[in-house]
């Protein structure tokens, strides 16, 4: 099975702008941001999507949510962000490695925030 782009970033085969990392998660700036702040919070464990999450994986989700709060504050969008994951191709998932988007601030191409 071919590695996902996120697995290749985790393994340092591809470059990324890392803003946080520990033993369970890595957080990077999105290469094609949809807003002034667009950070991907990625589980290091290969979980294809939220639907494949198992009970033993719940601590990873708690860690991701907690880190999202810290990053929102760090990047100045704690009262102006979305936090989401896509589940399945019909929902827009294109990389089948569990990750969440923290999107905040001014939306790219818009005049508002």
PDB file of N, CA and C in Angstrom:
ATOM      1  N   UNK A   1       0.830  -1.185   0.000  1.00  0.00           N
ATOM      2  CA  UNK A   1       0.000   0.000   0.000  1.00  0.00           C
ATOM      3  C   UNK A   1       0.877   1.252   0.000  1.00  0.00           C
ATOM      4  N   UNK A   2       0.559   2.174  -0.871  1.00  0.00           N
ATOM      5  CA  UNK A   2       1.329   3.408  -0.987  1.00  0.00           C
ATOM      6  C   UNK A   2       1.066   4.325   0.206  1.00  0.00           C
ATOM      7  N   UNK A   3       2.112   5.008   0.653  1.00  0.00           N
ATOM      8  CA  UNK A   3       1.995   5.936   1.768  1.00  0.00           C
ATOM      9  C   UNK A   3       1.183   7.157   1.359  1.00  0.00           C
ATOM     10  N   UNK A   4       0.413   7.674   2.313  1.00  0.00           N
ATOM     11  CA  UNK A   4      -0.290   8.931   2.072  1.00  0.00           C
ATOM     12  C   UNK A   4       0.714  10.079   2.137  1.00  0.00           C
ATOM     13  N   UNK A   5       0.317  11.216   1.660  1.00  0.00           N
ATOM     14  CA  UNK A   5       1.174  12.401   1.746  1.00  0.00           C
ATOM     15  C   UNK A   5       1.497  12.721   3.200  1.00  0.00           C
ATOM     16  N   UNK A   6       0.529  12.476   4.109  1.00  0.00           N
ATOM     17  CA  UNK A   6       0.782  12.765   5.521  1.00  0.00           C
ATOM     18  C   UNK A   6       1.784  11.784   6.124  1.00  0.00           C
ATOM     19  N   UNK A   7       1.710  10.520   5.746  1.00  0.00           N
ATOM     20  CA  UNK A   7       2.689   9.547   6.223  1.00  0.00           C
ATOM     21  C   UNK A   7       4.082   9.929   5.733  1.00  0.00           C
ATOM     22  N   UNK A   8       4.162  10.425   4.527  1.00  0.00           N
ATOM     23  CA  UNK A   8       5.461  10.845   3.986  1.00  0.00           C
ATOM     24  C   UNK A   8       5.995  12.081   4.711  1.00  0.00           C
ATOM     25  N   UNK A   9       5.094  12.977   5.134  1.00  0.00           N
ATOM     26  CA  UNK A   9       5.517  14.140   5.923  1.00  0.00           C
ATOM     27  C   UNK A   9       5.983  13.680   7.299  1.00  0.00           C
ATOM     28  N   UNK A  10       5.214  12.795   7.936  1.00  0.00           N
ATOM     29  CA  UNK A  10       5.581  12.270   9.250  1.00  0.00           C
ATOM     30  C   UNK A  10       6.950  11.602   9.201  1.00  0.00           C
ATOM     31  N   UNK A  11       7.213  10.864   8.129  1.00  0.00           N
ATOM     32  CA  UNK A  11       8.489  10.164   7.961  1.00  0.00           C
ATOM     33  C   UNK A  11       9.599  11.055   7.403  1.00  0.00           C
ATOM     34  N   UNK A  12       9.308  12.343   7.245  1.00  0.00           N
ATOM     35  CA  UNK A  12      10.273  13.339   6.767  1.00  0.00           C
ATOM     36  C   UNK A  12      10.737  13.084   5.337  1.00  0.00           C
ATOM     37  N   UNK A  13       9.884  12.442   4.558  1.00  0.00           N
ATOM     38  CA  UNK A  13      10.184  12.242   3.137  1.00  0.00           C
ATOM     39  C   UNK A  13       9.733  13.447   2.317  1.00  0.00           C
ATOM     40  N   UNK A  14       8.835  14.237   2.863  1.00  0.00           N
ATOM     41  CA  UNK A  14       8.368  15.465   2.222  1.00  0.00           C
ATOM     42  C   UNK A  14       8.481  16.603   3.220  1.00  0.00           C
ATOM     43  N   UNK A  15       8.778  17.805   2.750  1.00  0.00           N
ATOM     44  CA  UNK A  15       8.878  18.941   3.666  1.00  0.00           C
ATOM     45  C   UNK A  15       7.498  19.463   4.056  1.00  0.00           C
ATOM     46  N   UNK A  16       7.439  20.065   5.224  1.00  0.00           N
ATOM     47  CA  UNK A  16       6.219  20.716   5.691  1.00  0.00           C
ATOM     48  C   UNK A  16       6.611  21.728   6.756  1.00  0.00           C
ATOM     49  N   UNK A  17       5.781  22.738   6.917  1.00  0.00           N
ATOM     50  CA  UNK A  17       6.018  23.726   7.965  1.00  0.00           C
ATOM     51  C   UNK A  17       5.322  23.234   9.235  1.00  0.00           C
ATOM     52  N   UNK A  18       6.093  22.609  10.098  1.00  0.00           N
ATOM     53  CA  UNK A  18       5.557  22.010  11.323  1.00  0.00           C
ATOM     54  C   UNK A  18       5.412  23.085  12.393  1.00  0.00           C
ATOM     55  N   UNK A  19       4.216  23.145  13.007  1.00  0.00           N
ATOM     56  CA  UNK A  19       3.988  24.110  14.081  1.00  0.00           C
ATOM     57  C   UNK A  19       3.880  23.432  15.444  1.00  0.00           C
ATOM     58  N   UNK A  20       3.706  22.104  15.437  1.00  0.00           N
ATOM     59  CA  UNK A  20       3.699  21.324  16.682  1.00  0.00           C
ATOM     60  C   UNK A  20       3.882  19.856  16.331  1.00  0.00           C
ATOM     61  N   UNK A  21       4.549  19.136  17.231  1.00  0.00           N
ATOM     62  CA  UNK A  21       4.686  17.699  17.044  1.00  0.00           C
ATOM     63  C   UNK A  21       4.969  17.040  18.384  1.00  0.00           C
ATOM     64  N   UNK A  22       4.355  15.882  18.594  1.00  0.00           N
ATOM     65  CA  UNK A  22       4.711  15.030  19.716  1.00  0.00           C
ATOM     66  C   UNK A  22       4.642  13.582  19.239  1.00  0.00           C
ATOM     67  N   UNK A  23       4.602  12.643  20.147  1.00  0.00           N
ATOM     68  CA  UNK A  23       4.641  11.227  19.747  1.00  0.00           C
ATOM     69  C   UNK A  23       3.372  10.754  19.037  1.00  0.00           C
ATOM     70  N   UNK A  24       2.243  11.473  19.190  1.00  0.00           N
ATOM     71  CA  UNK A  24       0.969  11.029  18.619  1.00  0.00           C
ATOM     72  C   UNK A  24       0.440  11.857  17.460  1.00  0.00           C
ATOM     73  N   UNK A  25       0.804  13.135  17.420  1.00  0.00           N
ATOM     74  CA  UNK A  25       0.247  14.024  16.389  1.00  0.00           C
ATOM     75  C   UNK A  25       1.324  14.937  15.812  1.00  0.00           C
ATOM     76  N   UNK A  26       1.035  15.411  14.610  1.00  0.00           N
ATOM     77  CA  UNK A  26       1.869  16.429  13.980  1.00  0.00           C
ATOM     78  C   UNK A  26       0.918  17.482  13.426  1.00  0.00           C
ATOM     79  N   UNK A  27       1.280  18.746  13.571  1.00  0.00           N
ATOM     80  CA  UNK A  27       0.457  19.856  13.104  1.00  0.00           C
ATOM     81  C   UNK A  27       1.292  20.683  12.134  1.00  0.00           C
ATOM     82  N   UNK A  28       0.729  20.901  10.958  1.00  0.00           N
ATOM     83  CA  UNK A  28       1.464  21.610   9.907  1.00  0.00           C
ATOM     84  C   UNK A  28       0.581  22.685   9.295  1.00  0.00           C
ATOM     85  N   UNK A  29       1.236  23.694   8.731  1.00  0.00           N
ATOM     86  CA  UNK A  29       0.490  24.690   7.966  1.00  0.00           C
ATOM     87  C   UNK A  29       0.070  24.065   6.639  1.00  0.00           C
ATOM     88  N   UNK A  30      -1.179  24.299   6.256  1.00  0.00           N
ATOM     89  CA  UNK A  30      -1.678  23.778   4.984  1.00  0.00           C
ATOM     90  C   UNK A  30      -0.934  24.462   3.846  1.00  0.00           C
ATOM     91  N   UNK A  31      -0.530  23.679   2.882  1.00  0.00           N
ATOM     92  CA  UNK A  31       0.227  24.206   1.739  1.00  0.00           C
ATOM     93  C   UNK A  31      -0.650  25.085   0.840  1.00  0.00           C
ATOM     94  N   UNK A  32      -1.957  24.836   0.854  1.00  0.00           N
ATOM     95  CA  UNK A  32      -2.907  25.611   0.058  1.00  0.00           C
ATOM     96  C   UNK A  32      -3.997  26.139   0.978  1.00  0.00           C
ATOM     97  N   UNK A  33      -3.669  27.136   1.815  1.00  0.00           N
ATOM     98  CA  UNK A  33      -4.599  27.596   2.851  1.00  0.00           C
ATOM     99  C   UNK A  33      -5.878  28.225   2.292  1.00  0.00           C
ATOM    100  N   UNK A  34      -6.966  27.964   2.995  1.00  0.00           N
ATOM    101  CA  UNK A  34      -8.260  28.542   2.648  1.00  0.00           C
ATOM    102  C   UNK A  34      -8.543  29.815   3.447  1.00  0.00           C
ATOM    103  N   UNK A  35      -7.656  30.136   4.376  1.00  0.00           N
ATOM    104  CA  UNK A  35      -7.800  31.328   5.204  1.00  0.00           C
ATOM    105  C   UNK A  35      -6.410  31.725   5.694  1.00  0.00           C
ATOM    106  N   UNK A  36      -6.338  32.865   6.401  1.00  0.00           N
ATOM    107  CA  UNK A  36      -5.029  33.319   6.870  1.00  0.00           C
ATOM    108  C   UNK A  36      -4.400  32.335   7.844  1.00  0.00           C
ATOM    109  N   UNK A  37      -5.211  31.577   8.567  1.00  0.00           N
ATOM    110  CA  UNK A  37      -4.719  30.497   9.411  1.00  0.00           C
ATOM    111  C   UNK A  37      -5.380  29.207   8.931  1.00  0.00           C
ATOM    112  N   UNK A  38      -4.595  28.262   8.488  1.00  0.00           N
ATOM    113  CA  UNK A  38      -5.108  26.958   8.050  1.00  0.00           C
ATOM    114  C   UNK A  38      -4.066  25.920   8.442  1.00  0.00           C
ATOM    115  N   UNK A  39      -4.356  25.227   9.533  1.00  0.00           N
ATOM    116  CA  UNK A  39      -3.429  24.251  10.090  1.00  0.00           C
ATOM    117  C   UNK A  39      -4.066  22.869  10.027  1.00  0.00           C
ATOM    118  N   UNK A  40      -3.276  21.887   9.643  1.00  0.00           N
ATOM    119  CA  UNK A  40      -3.723  20.506   9.624  1.00  0.00           C
ATOM    120  C   UNK A  40      -3.187  19.818  10.871  1.00  0.00           C
ATOM    121  N   UNK A  41      -4.075  19.176  11.617  1.00  0.00           N
ATOM    122  CA  UNK A  41      -3.704  18.422  12.805  1.00  0.00           C
ATOM    123  C   UNK A  41      -3.872  16.951  12.445  1.00  0.00           C
ATOM    124  N   UNK A  42      -2.783  16.223  12.408  1.00  0.00           N
ATOM    125  CA  UNK A  42      -2.733  14.886  11.818  1.00  0.00           C
ATOM    126  C   UNK A  42      -2.336  13.850  12.863  1.00  0.00           C
ATOM    127  N   UNK A  43      -3.115  12.761  12.920  1.00  0.00           N
ATOM    128  CA  UNK A  43      -2.744  11.644  13.775  1.00  0.00           C
ATOM    129  C   UNK A  43      -1.545  10.947  13.151  1.00  0.00           C
ATOM    130  N   UNK A  44      -0.555  10.613  13.951  1.00  0.00           N
ATOM    131  CA  UNK A  44       0.590   9.879  13.406  1.00  0.00           C
ATOM    132  C   UNK A  44       0.212   8.423  13.127  1.00  0.00           C
ATOM    133  N   UNK A  45      -0.698   7.884  13.914  1.00  0.00           N
ATOM    134  CA  UNK A  45      -1.172   6.524  13.670  1.00  0.00           C
ATOM    135  C   UNK A  45      -1.988   6.536  12.384  1.00  0.00           C
ATOM    136  N   UNK A  46      -1.795   5.544  11.534  1.00  0.00           N
ATOM    137  CA  UNK A  46      -2.515   5.476  10.257  1.00  0.00           C
ATOM    138  C   UNK A  46      -3.951   5.012  10.502  1.00  0.00           C
ATOM    139  N   UNK A  47      -4.851   5.980  10.564  1.00  0.00           N
ATOM    140  CA  UNK A  47      -6.284   5.740  10.689  1.00  0.00           C
ATOM    141  C   UNK A  47      -6.892   6.390   9.457  1.00  0.00           C
ATOM    142  N   UNK A  48      -7.555   5.643   8.591  1.00  0.00           N
ATOM    143  CA  UNK A  48      -8.042   6.218   7.331  1.00  0.00           C
ATOM    144  C   UNK A  48      -9.012   7.395   7.496  1.00  0.00           C
ATOM    145  N   UNK A  49      -9.959   7.293   8.432  1.00  0.00           N
ATOM    146  CA  UNK A  49     -10.903   8.392   8.657  1.00  0.00           C
ATOM    147  C   UNK A  49     -11.539   8.232  10.022  1.00  0.00           C
ATOM    148  N   UNK A  50     -12.365   9.159  10.387  1.00  0.00           N
ATOM    149  CA  UNK A  50     -13.052   9.128  11.672  1.00  0.00           C
ATOM    150  C   UNK A  50     -13.872   7.849  11.828  1.00  0.00           C
ATOM    151  N   UNK A  51     -14.398   7.328  10.750  1.00  0.00           N
ATOM    152  CA  UNK A  51     -15.212   6.108  10.802  1.00  0.00           C
ATOM    153  C   UNK A  51     -14.406   4.880  11.217  1.00  0.00           C
ATOM    154  N   UNK A  52     -13.119   4.883  10.993  1.00  0.00           N
ATOM    155  CA  UNK A  52     -12.284   3.745  11.362  1.00  0.00           C
ATOM    156  C   UNK A  52     -11.659   3.898  12.747  1.00  0.00           C
ATOM    157  N   UNK A  53     -11.994   4.980  13.413  1.00  0.00           N
ATOM    158  CA  UNK A  53     -11.473   5.231  14.753  1.00  0.00           C
ATOM    159  C   UNK A  53     -11.968   4.145  15.712  1.00  0.00           C
ATOM    160  N   UNK A  54     -11.069   3.630  16.516  1.00  0.00           N
ATOM    161  CA  UNK A  54     -11.436   2.625  17.510  1.00  0.00           C
ATOM    162  C   UNK A  54     -11.299   3.228  18.900  1.00  0.00           C
ATOM    163  N   UNK A  55     -11.924   2.595  19.865  1.00  0.00           N
ATOM    164  CA  UNK A  55     -11.942   3.127  21.226  1.00  0.00           C
ATOM    165  C   UNK A  55     -10.534   3.394  21.760  1.00  0.00           C
ATOM    166  N   UNK A  56      -9.588   2.546  21.422  1.00  0.00           N
ATOM    167  CA  UNK A  56      -8.203   2.749  21.867  1.00  0.00           C
ATOM    168  C   UNK A  56      -7.582   4.018  21.286  1.00  0.00           C
ATOM    169  N   UNK A  57      -8.172   4.537  20.209  1.00  0.00           N
ATOM    170  CA  UNK A  57      -7.654   5.736  19.551  1.00  0.00           C
ATOM    171  C   UNK A  57      -8.213   7.036  20.138  1.00  0.00           C
ATOM    172  N   UNK A  58      -9.205   6.951  21.005  1.00  0.00           N
ATOM    173  CA  UNK A  58      -9.849   8.160  21.528  1.00  0.00           C
ATOM    174  C   UNK A  58      -8.872   9.149  22.160  1.00  0.00           C
ATOM    175  N   UNK A  59      -7.849   8.693  22.884  1.00  0.00           N
ATOM    176  CA  UNK A  59      -6.903   9.673  23.449  1.00  0.00           C
ATOM    177  C   UNK A  59      -6.226  10.544  22.382  1.00  0.00           C
ATOM    178  N   UNK A  60      -6.040  10.019  21.193  1.00  0.00           N
ATOM    179  CA  UNK A  60      -5.451  10.816  20.109  1.00  0.00           C
ATOM    180  C   UNK A  60      -6.390  11.970  19.742  1.00  0.00           C
ATOM    181  N   UNK A  61      -7.690  11.687  19.697  1.00  0.00           N
ATOM    182  CA  UNK A  61      -8.671  12.724  19.363  1.00  0.00           C
ATOM    183  C   UNK A  61      -8.692  13.804  20.440  1.00  0.00           C
ATOM    184  N   UNK A  62      -8.648  13.391  21.689  1.00  0.00           N
ATOM    185  CA  UNK A  62      -8.607  14.360  22.786  1.00  0.00           C
ATOM    186  C   UNK A  62      -7.375  15.249  22.641  1.00  0.00           C
ATOM    187  N   UNK A  63      -6.243  14.664  22.305  1.00  0.00           N
ATOM    188  CA  UNK A  63      -5.001  15.414  22.121  1.00  0.00           C
ATOM    189  C   UNK A  63      -5.121  16.400  20.961  1.00  0.00           C
ATOM    190  N   UNK A  64      -5.731  15.963  19.875  1.00  0.00           N
ATOM    191  CA  UNK A  64      -5.904  16.828  18.701  1.00  0.00           C
ATOM    192  C   UNK A  64      -6.797  18.013  19.038  1.00  0.00           C
ATOM    193  N   UNK A  65      -7.906  17.761  19.718  1.00  0.00           N
ATOM    194  CA  UNK A  65      -8.828  18.845  20.082  1.00  0.00           C
ATOM    195  C   UNK A  65      -8.143  19.830  21.027  1.00  0.00           C
ATOM    196  N   UNK A  66      -7.425  19.317  22.006  1.00  0.00           N
ATOM    197  CA  UNK A  66      -6.714  20.188  22.937  1.00  0.00           C
ATOM    198  C   UNK A  66      -5.666  21.027  22.218  1.00  0.00           C
ATOM    199  N   UNK A  67      -4.928  20.414  21.301  1.00  0.00           N
ATOM    200  CA  UNK A  67      -3.898  21.150  20.553  1.00  0.00           C
ATOM    201  C   UNK A  67      -4.538  22.192  19.651  1.00  0.00           C
ATOM    202  N   UNK A  68      -5.711  21.896  19.087  1.00  0.00           N
ATOM    203  CA  UNK A  68      -6.417  22.872  18.245  1.00  0.00           C
ATOM    204  C   UNK A  68      -6.725  24.138  19.046  1.00  0.00           C
ATOM    205  N   UNK A  69      -7.162  23.974  20.282  1.00  0.00           N
ATOM    206  CA  UNK A  69      -7.440  25.135  21.139  1.00  0.00           C
ATOM    207  C   UNK A  69      -6.179  25.970  21.351  1.00  0.00           C
ATOM    208  N   UNK A  70      -5.060  25.293  21.637  1.00  0.00           N
ATOM    209  CA  UNK A  70      -3.795  26.002  21.858  1.00  0.00           C
ATOM    210  C   UNK A  70      -3.323  26.718  20.586  1.00  0.00           C
ATOM    211  N   UNK A  71      -3.425  26.040  19.456  1.00  0.00           N
ATOM    212  CA  UNK A  71      -2.981  26.651  18.199  1.00  0.00           C
ATOM    213  C   UNK A  71      -3.871  27.824  17.807  1.00  0.00           C
ATOM    214  N   UNK A  72      -5.170  27.708  18.043  1.00  0.00           N
ATOM    215  CA  UNK A  72      -6.079  28.821  17.745  1.00  0.00           C
ATOM    216  C   UNK A  72      -5.667  30.058  18.546  1.00  0.00           C
ATOM    217  N   UNK A  73      -5.338  29.848  19.806  1.00  0.00           N
ATOM    218  CA  UNK A  73      -4.884  30.969  20.648  1.00  0.00           C
ATOM    219  C   UNK A  73      -3.534  31.492  20.152  1.00  0.00           C
ATOM    220  N   UNK A  74      -2.618  30.579  19.877  1.00  0.00           N
ATOM    221  CA  UNK A  74      -1.276  30.966  19.429  1.00  0.00           C
ATOM    222  C   UNK A  74      -1.308  31.781  18.136  1.00  0.00           C
ATOM    223  N   UNK A  75      -2.217  31.427  17.223  1.00  0.00           N
ATOM    224  CA  UNK A  75      -2.299  32.105  15.936  1.00  0.00           C
ATOM    225  C   UNK A  75      -3.350  33.220  15.917  1.00  0.00           C
ATOM    226  N   UNK A  76      -3.916  33.539  17.084  1.00  0.00           N
ATOM    227  CA  UNK A  76      -4.795  34.696  17.222  1.00  0.00           C
ATOM    228  C   UNK A  76      -6.184  34.541  16.625  1.00  0.00           C
ATOM    229  N   UNK A  77      -6.687  33.310  16.552  1.00  0.00           N
ATOM    230  CA  UNK A  77      -8.026  33.106  15.982  1.00  0.00           C
ATOM    231  C   UNK A  77      -8.953  32.371  16.963  1.00  0.00           C
ATOM    232  N   UNK A  78      -8.652  32.467  18.265  1.00  0.00           N
ATOM    233  CA  UNK A  78      -9.410  31.674  19.235  1.00  0.00           C
ATOM    234  C   UNK A  78     -10.910  31.968  19.252  1.00  0.00           C
ATOM    235  N   UNK A  79     -11.323  33.100  18.700  1.00  0.00           N
ATOM    236  CA  UNK A  79     -12.764  33.387  18.631  1.00  0.00           C
ATOM    237  C   UNK A  79     -13.251  33.491  17.183  1.00  0.00           C
ATOM    238  N   UNK A  80     -12.495  32.886  16.263  1.00  0.00           N
ATOM    239  CA  UNK A  80     -12.829  33.030  14.841  1.00  0.00           C
ATOM    240  C   UNK A  80     -12.237  31.879  14.032  1.00  0.00           C
ATOM    241  N   UNK A  81     -12.711  30.656  14.277  1.00  0.00           N
ATOM    242  CA  UNK A  81     -12.180  29.537  13.496  1.00  0.00           C
ATOM    243  C   UNK A  81     -13.196  28.417  13.350  1.00  0.00           C
ATOM    244  N   UNK A  82     -12.922  27.559  12.370  1.00  0.00           N
ATOM    245  CA  UNK A  82     -13.662  26.312  12.173  1.00  0.00           C
ATOM    246  C   UNK A  82     -12.692  25.173  12.424  1.00  0.00           C
ATOM    247  N   UNK A  83     -13.241  24.055  12.882  1.00  0.00           N
ATOM    248  CA  UNK A  83     -12.433  22.874  13.159  1.00  0.00           C
ATOM    249  C   UNK A  83     -13.194  21.691  12.591  1.00  0.00           C
ATOM    250  N   UNK A  84     -12.623  21.046  11.568  1.00  0.00           N
ATOM    251  CA  UNK A  84     -13.408  20.024  10.887  1.00  0.00           C
ATOM    252  C   UNK A  84     -12.553  18.909  10.315  1.00  0.00           C
ATOM    253  N   UNK A  85     -13.233  17.805  10.032  1.00  0.00           N
ATOM    254  CA  UNK A  85     -12.631  16.694   9.312  1.00  0.00           C
ATOM    255  C   UNK A  85     -13.637  16.215   8.280  1.00  0.00           C
ATOM    256  N   UNK A  86     -13.142  15.755   7.168  1.00  0.00           N
ATOM    257  CA  UNK A  86     -14.005  15.173   6.137  1.00  0.00           C
ATOM    258  C   UNK A  86     -13.949  13.660   6.279  1.00  0.00           C
ATOM    259  N   UNK A  87     -15.076  13.017   6.046  1.00  0.00           N
ATOM    260  CA  UNK A  87     -15.147  11.567   6.196  1.00  0.00           C
ATOM    261  C   UNK A  87     -15.767  10.968   4.934  1.00  0.00           C
ATOM    262  N   UNK A  88     -14.911  10.428   4.076  1.00  0.00           N
ATOM    263  CA  UNK A  88     -15.357   9.822   2.827  1.00  0.00           C
ATOM    264  C   UNK A  88     -15.246  10.768   1.649  1.00  0.00           C
ATOM    265  N   UNK A  89     -15.110  10.199   0.467  1.00  0.00           N
ATOM    266  CA  UNK A  89     -14.925  11.004  -0.742  1.00  0.00           C
ATOM    267  C   UNK A  89     -16.112  11.922  -1.017  1.00  0.00           C
ATOM    268  N   UNK A  90     -17.317  11.478  -0.722  1.00  0.00           N
ATOM    269  CA  UNK A  90     -18.498  12.318  -0.967  1.00  0.00           C
ATOM    270  C   UNK A  90     -18.524  13.539  -0.064  1.00  0.00           C
ATOM    271  N   UNK A  91     -17.796  13.478   1.036  1.00  0.00           N
ATOM    272  CA  UNK A  91     -17.691  14.617   1.952  1.00  0.00           C
ATOM    273  C   UNK A  91     -16.459  15.457   1.664  1.00  0.00           C
ATOM    274  N   UNK A  92     -15.689  15.080   0.645  1.00  0.00           N
ATOM    275  CA  UNK A  92     -14.525  15.860   0.272  1.00  0.00           C
ATOM    276  C   UNK A  92     -13.199  15.330   0.787  1.00  0.00           C
ATOM    277  N   UNK A  93     -13.200  14.162   1.414  1.00  0.00           N
ATOM    278  CA  UNK A  93     -11.929  13.612   1.890  1.00  0.00           C
ATOM    279  C   UNK A  93     -11.103  13.139   0.702  1.00  0.00           C
ATOM    280  N   UNK A  94      -9.874  13.637   0.629  1.00  0.00           N
ATOM    281  CA  UNK A  94      -8.997  13.232  -0.472  1.00  0.00           C
ATOM    282  C   UNK A  94      -7.754  12.502   0.016  1.00  0.00           C
ATOM    283  N   UNK A  95      -7.407  12.669   1.295  1.00  0.00           N
ATOM    284  CA  UNK A  95      -6.276  11.956   1.881  1.00  0.00           C
ATOM    285  C   UNK A  95      -6.838  11.067   2.988  1.00  0.00           C
ATOM    286  N   UNK A  96      -6.672   9.766   2.838  1.00  0.00           N
ATOM    287  CA  UNK A  96      -7.252   8.830   3.780  1.00  0.00           C
ATOM    288  C   UNK A  96      -6.276   8.504   4.906  1.00  0.00           C
ATOM    289  N   UNK A  97      -6.045   9.533   5.692  1.00  0.00           N
ATOM    290  CA  UNK A  97      -5.218   9.508   6.894  1.00  0.00           C
ATOM    291  C   UNK A  97      -5.849  10.554   7.805  1.00  0.00           C
ATOM    292  N   UNK A  98      -6.330  10.140   8.978  1.00  0.00           N
ATOM    293  CA  UNK A  98      -7.115  11.013   9.843  1.00  0.00           C
ATOM    294  C   UNK A  98      -6.414  12.339  10.106  1.00  0.00           C
ATOM    295  N   UNK A  99      -7.115  13.413   9.765  1.00  0.00           N
ATOM    296  CA  UNK A  99      -6.602  14.758  10.002  1.00  0.00           C
ATOM    297  C   UNK A  99      -7.767  15.723  10.154  1.00  0.00           C
ATOM    298  N   UNK A 100      -7.503  16.810  10.834  1.00  0.00           N
ATOM    299  CA  UNK A 100      -8.486  17.849  11.070  1.00  0.00           C
ATOM    300  C   UNK A 100      -7.931  19.167  10.545  1.00  0.00           C
ATOM    301  N   UNK A 101      -8.836  20.041  10.125  1.00  0.00           N
ATOM    302  CA  UNK A 101      -8.475  21.371   9.645  1.00  0.00           C
ATOM    303  C   UNK A 101      -8.865  22.397  10.700  1.00  0.00           C
ATOM    304  N   UNK A 102      -7.931  23.245  11.083  1.00  0.00           N
ATOM    305  CA  UNK A 102      -8.218  24.414  11.887  1.00  0.00           C
ATOM    306  C   UNK A 102      -8.107  25.589  10.927  1.00  0.00           C
ATOM    307  N   UNK A 103      -9.227  26.234  10.648  1.00  0.00           N
ATOM    308  CA  UNK A 103      -9.298  27.294   9.646  1.00  0.00           C
ATOM    309  C   UNK A 103      -9.848  28.542  10.302  1.00  0.00           C
ATOM    310  N   UNK A 104      -9.080  29.614  10.292  1.00  0.00           N
ATOM    311  CA  UNK A 104      -9.548  30.830  10.942  1.00  0.00           C
ATOM    312  C   UNK A 104      -8.934  32.075  10.347  1.00  0.00           C
ATOM    313  N   UNK A 105      -9.449  33.195  10.827  1.00  0.00           N
ATOM    314  CA  UNK A 105      -8.965  34.474  10.324  1.00  0.00           C
ATOM    315  C   UNK A 105      -9.603  34.822   9.004  1.00  0.00           C
ATOM    316  N   UNK A 106      -8.931  35.645   8.241  1.00  0.00           N
ATOM    317  CA  UNK A 106      -9.450  36.099   6.965  1.00  0.00           C
ATOM    318  C   UNK A 106      -9.439  34.957   5.954  1.00  0.00           C
ATOM    319  N   UNK A 107     -10.584  34.730   5.330  1.00  0.00           N
ATOM    320  CA  UNK A 107     -10.716  33.690   4.318  1.00  0.00           C
ATOM    321  C   UNK A 107     -10.024  34.151   3.051  1.00  0.00           C
ATOM    322  N   UNK A 108      -9.241  33.265   2.449  1.00  0.00           N
ATOM    323  CA  UNK A 108      -8.525  33.604   1.229  1.00  0.00           C
ATOM    324  C   UNK A 108      -9.487  34.050   0.140  1.00  0.00           C
ATOM    325  N   UNK A 109      -9.165  35.150  -0.496  1.00  0.00           N
ATOM    326  CA  UNK A 109      -9.984  35.669  -1.578  1.00  0.00           C
ATOM    327  C   UNK A 109     -11.206  36.447  -1.128  1.00  0.00           C
ATOM    328  N   UNK A 110     -11.381  36.652   0.183  1.00  0.00           N
ATOM    329  CA  UNK A 110     -12.553  37.393   0.659  1.00  0.00           C
ATOM    330  C   UNK A 110     -12.127  38.724   1.263  1.00  0.00           C
ATOM    331  N   UNK A 111     -13.087  39.597   1.447  1.00  0.00           N
ATOM    332  CA  UNK A 111     -12.816  40.884   2.052  1.00  0.00           C
ATOM    333  C   UNK A 111     -13.100  40.865   3.553  1.00  0.00           C
ATOM    334  N   UNK A 112     -13.823  39.837   3.990  1.00  0.00           N
ATOM    335  CA  UNK A 112     -14.204  39.736   5.403  1.00  0.00           C
ATOM    336  C   UNK A 112     -13.306  38.809   6.171  1.00  0.00           C
ATOM    337  N   UNK A 113     -13.641  38.558   7.414  1.00  0.00           N
ATOM    338  CA  UNK A 113     -12.840  37.691   8.248  1.00  0.00           C
ATOM    339  C   UNK A 113     -13.610  36.666   8.850  1.00  0.00           C
TER     340      UNK A 113
END
